[in-house]
């Protein structure tokens, strides 16, 4: 069973993800947070296999919360789920330490696939986001060969 912490300031979204994951059999929401500072508290109180978090939240937005987690040495896989298009925030959250990014407008099946992949230690990057990240990796190759 994959234990999921869902962090979003909208209760309806948290409940929707909980209901969706409840239908899977292997994914279960075992914690919720509405604010960035609540995420930090929940992770100290309980163990989770993955954090599914929005970018826009009070008490520390998702990117700041992600950076704080990484600064504290917390290595939980993080999937960012946001209303913002990938081209605005996708690369920023991956660089900040997220394991994946999914737009809230995605198909329901996509979020389930993304959660499973990230929880198993992989990264979930859509084809559109991969195209944005590709120049970074091409440039790294050039730097190494110099």
Protein backbone atom coordinates (compact mmCIF):
# COMPACT_ATOMS: atom_id res chain seq x y z
CA UNK A 1 0.00 0.00 0.00
CA UNK A 2 1.37 3.40 -1.01
CA UNK A 3 0.68 6.02 1.67
CA UNK A 4 0.00 9.46 0.22
CA UNK A 5 0.08 12.89 1.86
CA UNK A 6 -2.03 15.33 -0.16
CA UNK A 7 -1.30 19.05 0.28
CA UNK A 8 -3.61 21.60 -1.34
CA UNK A 9 -5.40 24.60 0.10
CA UNK A 10 -8.67 23.53 -1.53
CA UNK A 11 -10.53 20.88 0.47
CA UNK A 12 -12.51 19.78 -2.57
CA UNK A 13 -9.32 18.90 -4.44
CA UNK A 14 -7.91 16.98 -1.47
CA UNK A 15 -11.17 15.04 -1.15
CA UNK A 16 -11.28 14.41 -4.91
CA UNK A 17 -7.76 12.97 -4.95
CA UNK A 18 -8.60 10.89 -1.90
CA UNK A 19 -11.70 9.48 -3.61
CA UNK A 20 -9.82 8.82 -6.85
CA UNK A 21 -6.96 7.03 -5.12
CA UNK A 22 -9.40 5.08 -2.96
CA UNK A 23 -10.58 3.32 -6.11
CA UNK A 24 -7.11 2.00 -6.97
CA UNK A 25 -6.54 -0.61 -4.28
CA UNK A 26 -2.83 0.24 -3.87
CA UNK A 27 -2.90 4.00 -3.19
CA UNK A 28 -4.36 5.49 -0.03
CA UNK A 29 -4.43 9.05 1.27
CA UNK A 30 -3.31 8.76 4.89
CA UNK A 31 -2.76 12.47 5.52
CA UNK A 32 -3.84 15.90 4.32
CA UNK A 33 -2.48 19.42 4.63
CA UNK A 34 -3.90 22.77 3.52
CA UNK A 35 -0.77 24.87 4.11
CA UNK A 36 2.96 24.56 3.53
CA UNK A 37 3.74 24.65 7.23
CA UNK A 38 1.20 21.85 7.80
CA UNK A 39 3.11 19.69 5.31
CA UNK A 40 6.25 20.02 7.40
CA UNK A 41 4.32 19.15 10.57
CA UNK A 42 2.58 16.10 9.02
CA UNK A 43 5.88 14.71 7.80
CA UNK A 44 7.26 14.87 11.35
CA UNK A 45 4.17 13.17 12.80
CA UNK A 46 3.71 10.33 10.35
CA UNK A 47 5.43 8.37 7.60
CA UNK A 48 4.30 8.67 3.98
CA UNK A 49 5.57 7.15 0.76
CA UNK A 50 4.85 10.20 -1.39
CA UNK A 51 3.81 13.83 -1.08
CA UNK A 52 1.37 15.16 -3.68
CA UNK A 53 1.45 18.93 -3.34
CA UNK A 54 0.07 22.07 -4.98
CA UNK A 55 2.28 25.06 -5.71
CA UNK A 56 -0.09 27.77 -4.52
CA UNK A 57 -0.76 27.43 -0.79
CA UNK A 58 -0.68 29.72 2.23
CA UNK A 59 1.87 29.15 4.98
CA UNK A 60 4.65 28.47 2.48
CA UNK A 61 3.98 27.82 -1.17
CA UNK A 62 4.80 24.45 -2.70
CA UNK A 63 8.19 25.46 -4.08
CA UNK A 64 9.31 27.01 -0.77
CA UNK A 65 8.01 24.00 1.13
CA UNK A 66 9.83 21.65 -1.24
CA UNK A 67 13.08 23.56 -0.78
CA UNK A 68 12.63 23.50 3.00
CA UNK A 69 12.09 19.73 2.91
CA UNK A 70 15.26 19.23 0.90
CA UNK A 71 17.22 21.61 3.18
CA UNK A 72 16.09 19.51 6.16
CA UNK A 73 17.24 16.34 4.42
CA UNK A 74 13.73 14.97 3.91
CA UNK A 75 13.92 12.72 0.85
CA UNK A 76 10.24 11.86 0.35
CA UNK A 77 9.29 11.75 -3.34
CA UNK A 78 7.25 14.83 -4.25
CA UNK A 79 4.78 15.12 -7.10
CA UNK A 80 3.63 18.66 -7.76
CA UNK A 81 0.04 18.96 -9.01
CA UNK A 82 -0.81 22.47 -10.08
CA UNK A 83 -3.22 24.59 -12.07
CA UNK A 84 -0.25 26.40 -13.59
CA UNK A 85 0.92 25.19 -17.02
CA UNK A 86 4.10 23.14 -17.13
CA UNK A 87 5.91 25.79 -19.11
CA UNK A 88 5.53 28.23 -16.20
CA UNK A 89 6.59 26.08 -13.24
CA UNK A 90 7.49 22.58 -14.38
CA UNK A 91 11.22 23.09 -14.77
CA UNK A 92 11.43 25.18 -11.57
CA UNK A 93 9.91 22.46 -9.39
CA UNK A 94 12.06 19.73 -10.92
CA UNK A 95 15.17 21.85 -10.27
CA UNK A 96 13.95 22.47 -6.70
CA UNK A 97 13.85 18.72 -6.05
CA UNK A 98 10.41 17.49 -7.11
CA UNK A 99 10.16 14.06 -8.70
CA UNK A 100 7.41 15.10 -11.08
CA UNK A 101 4.90 17.68 -12.19
CA UNK A 102 1.30 17.20 -13.33
CA UNK A 103 -1.16 19.88 -14.36
CA UNK A 104 -4.55 19.75 -12.62
CA UNK A 105 -6.11 19.70 -16.07
CA UNK A 106 -4.59 16.27 -16.79
CA UNK A 107 -6.61 13.09 -17.29
CA UNK A 108 -7.45 11.26 -14.07
CA UNK A 109 -5.42 8.23 -15.16
CA UNK A 110 -2.34 10.42 -15.61
CA UNK A 111 -2.21 11.44 -11.96
CA UNK A 112 -2.47 7.81 -10.85
CA UNK A 113 0.36 6.81 -13.22
CA UNK A 114 2.45 9.76 -11.99
CA UNK A 115 1.92 8.94 -8.31
CA UNK A 116 2.87 5.29 -8.79
CA UNK A 117 5.97 6.17 -10.80
CA UNK A 118 7.20 8.80 -8.34
CA UNK A 119 6.41 6.64 -5.29
CA UNK A 120 8.47 3.81 -6.78
CA UNK A 121 11.51 6.07 -7.02
CA UNK A 122 11.10 7.24 -10.60
CA UNK A 123 10.46 10.63 -12.09
CA UNK A 124 7.30 11.64 -13.87
CA UNK A 125 7.91 14.10 -16.65
CA UNK A 126 5.38 14.69 -19.40
CA UNK A 127 6.61 14.90 -22.99
CA UNK A 128 6.07 18.69 -22.98
CA UNK A 129 8.13 19.12 -19.82
CA UNK A 130 10.83 16.79 -21.16
CA UNK A 131 11.24 19.09 -24.15
CA UNK A 132 11.74 22.05 -21.81
CA UNK A 133 14.33 20.18 -19.73
CA UNK A 134 16.23 18.72 -22.70
CA UNK A 135 18.38 21.83 -23.38
CA UNK A 136 19.69 21.67 -19.78
CA UNK A 137 20.91 18.12 -20.32
CA UNK A 138 22.34 18.83 -23.77
CA UNK A 139 24.30 21.75 -22.29
CA UNK A 140 25.59 19.58 -19.42
CA UNK A 141 27.01 17.16 -21.98
CA UNK A 142 28.89 19.96 -23.69
CA UNK A 143 30.33 21.19 -20.39
CA UNK A 144 31.60 17.72 -19.48
CA UNK A 145 33.28 17.19 -22.84
CA UNK A 146 35.24 20.44 -22.65
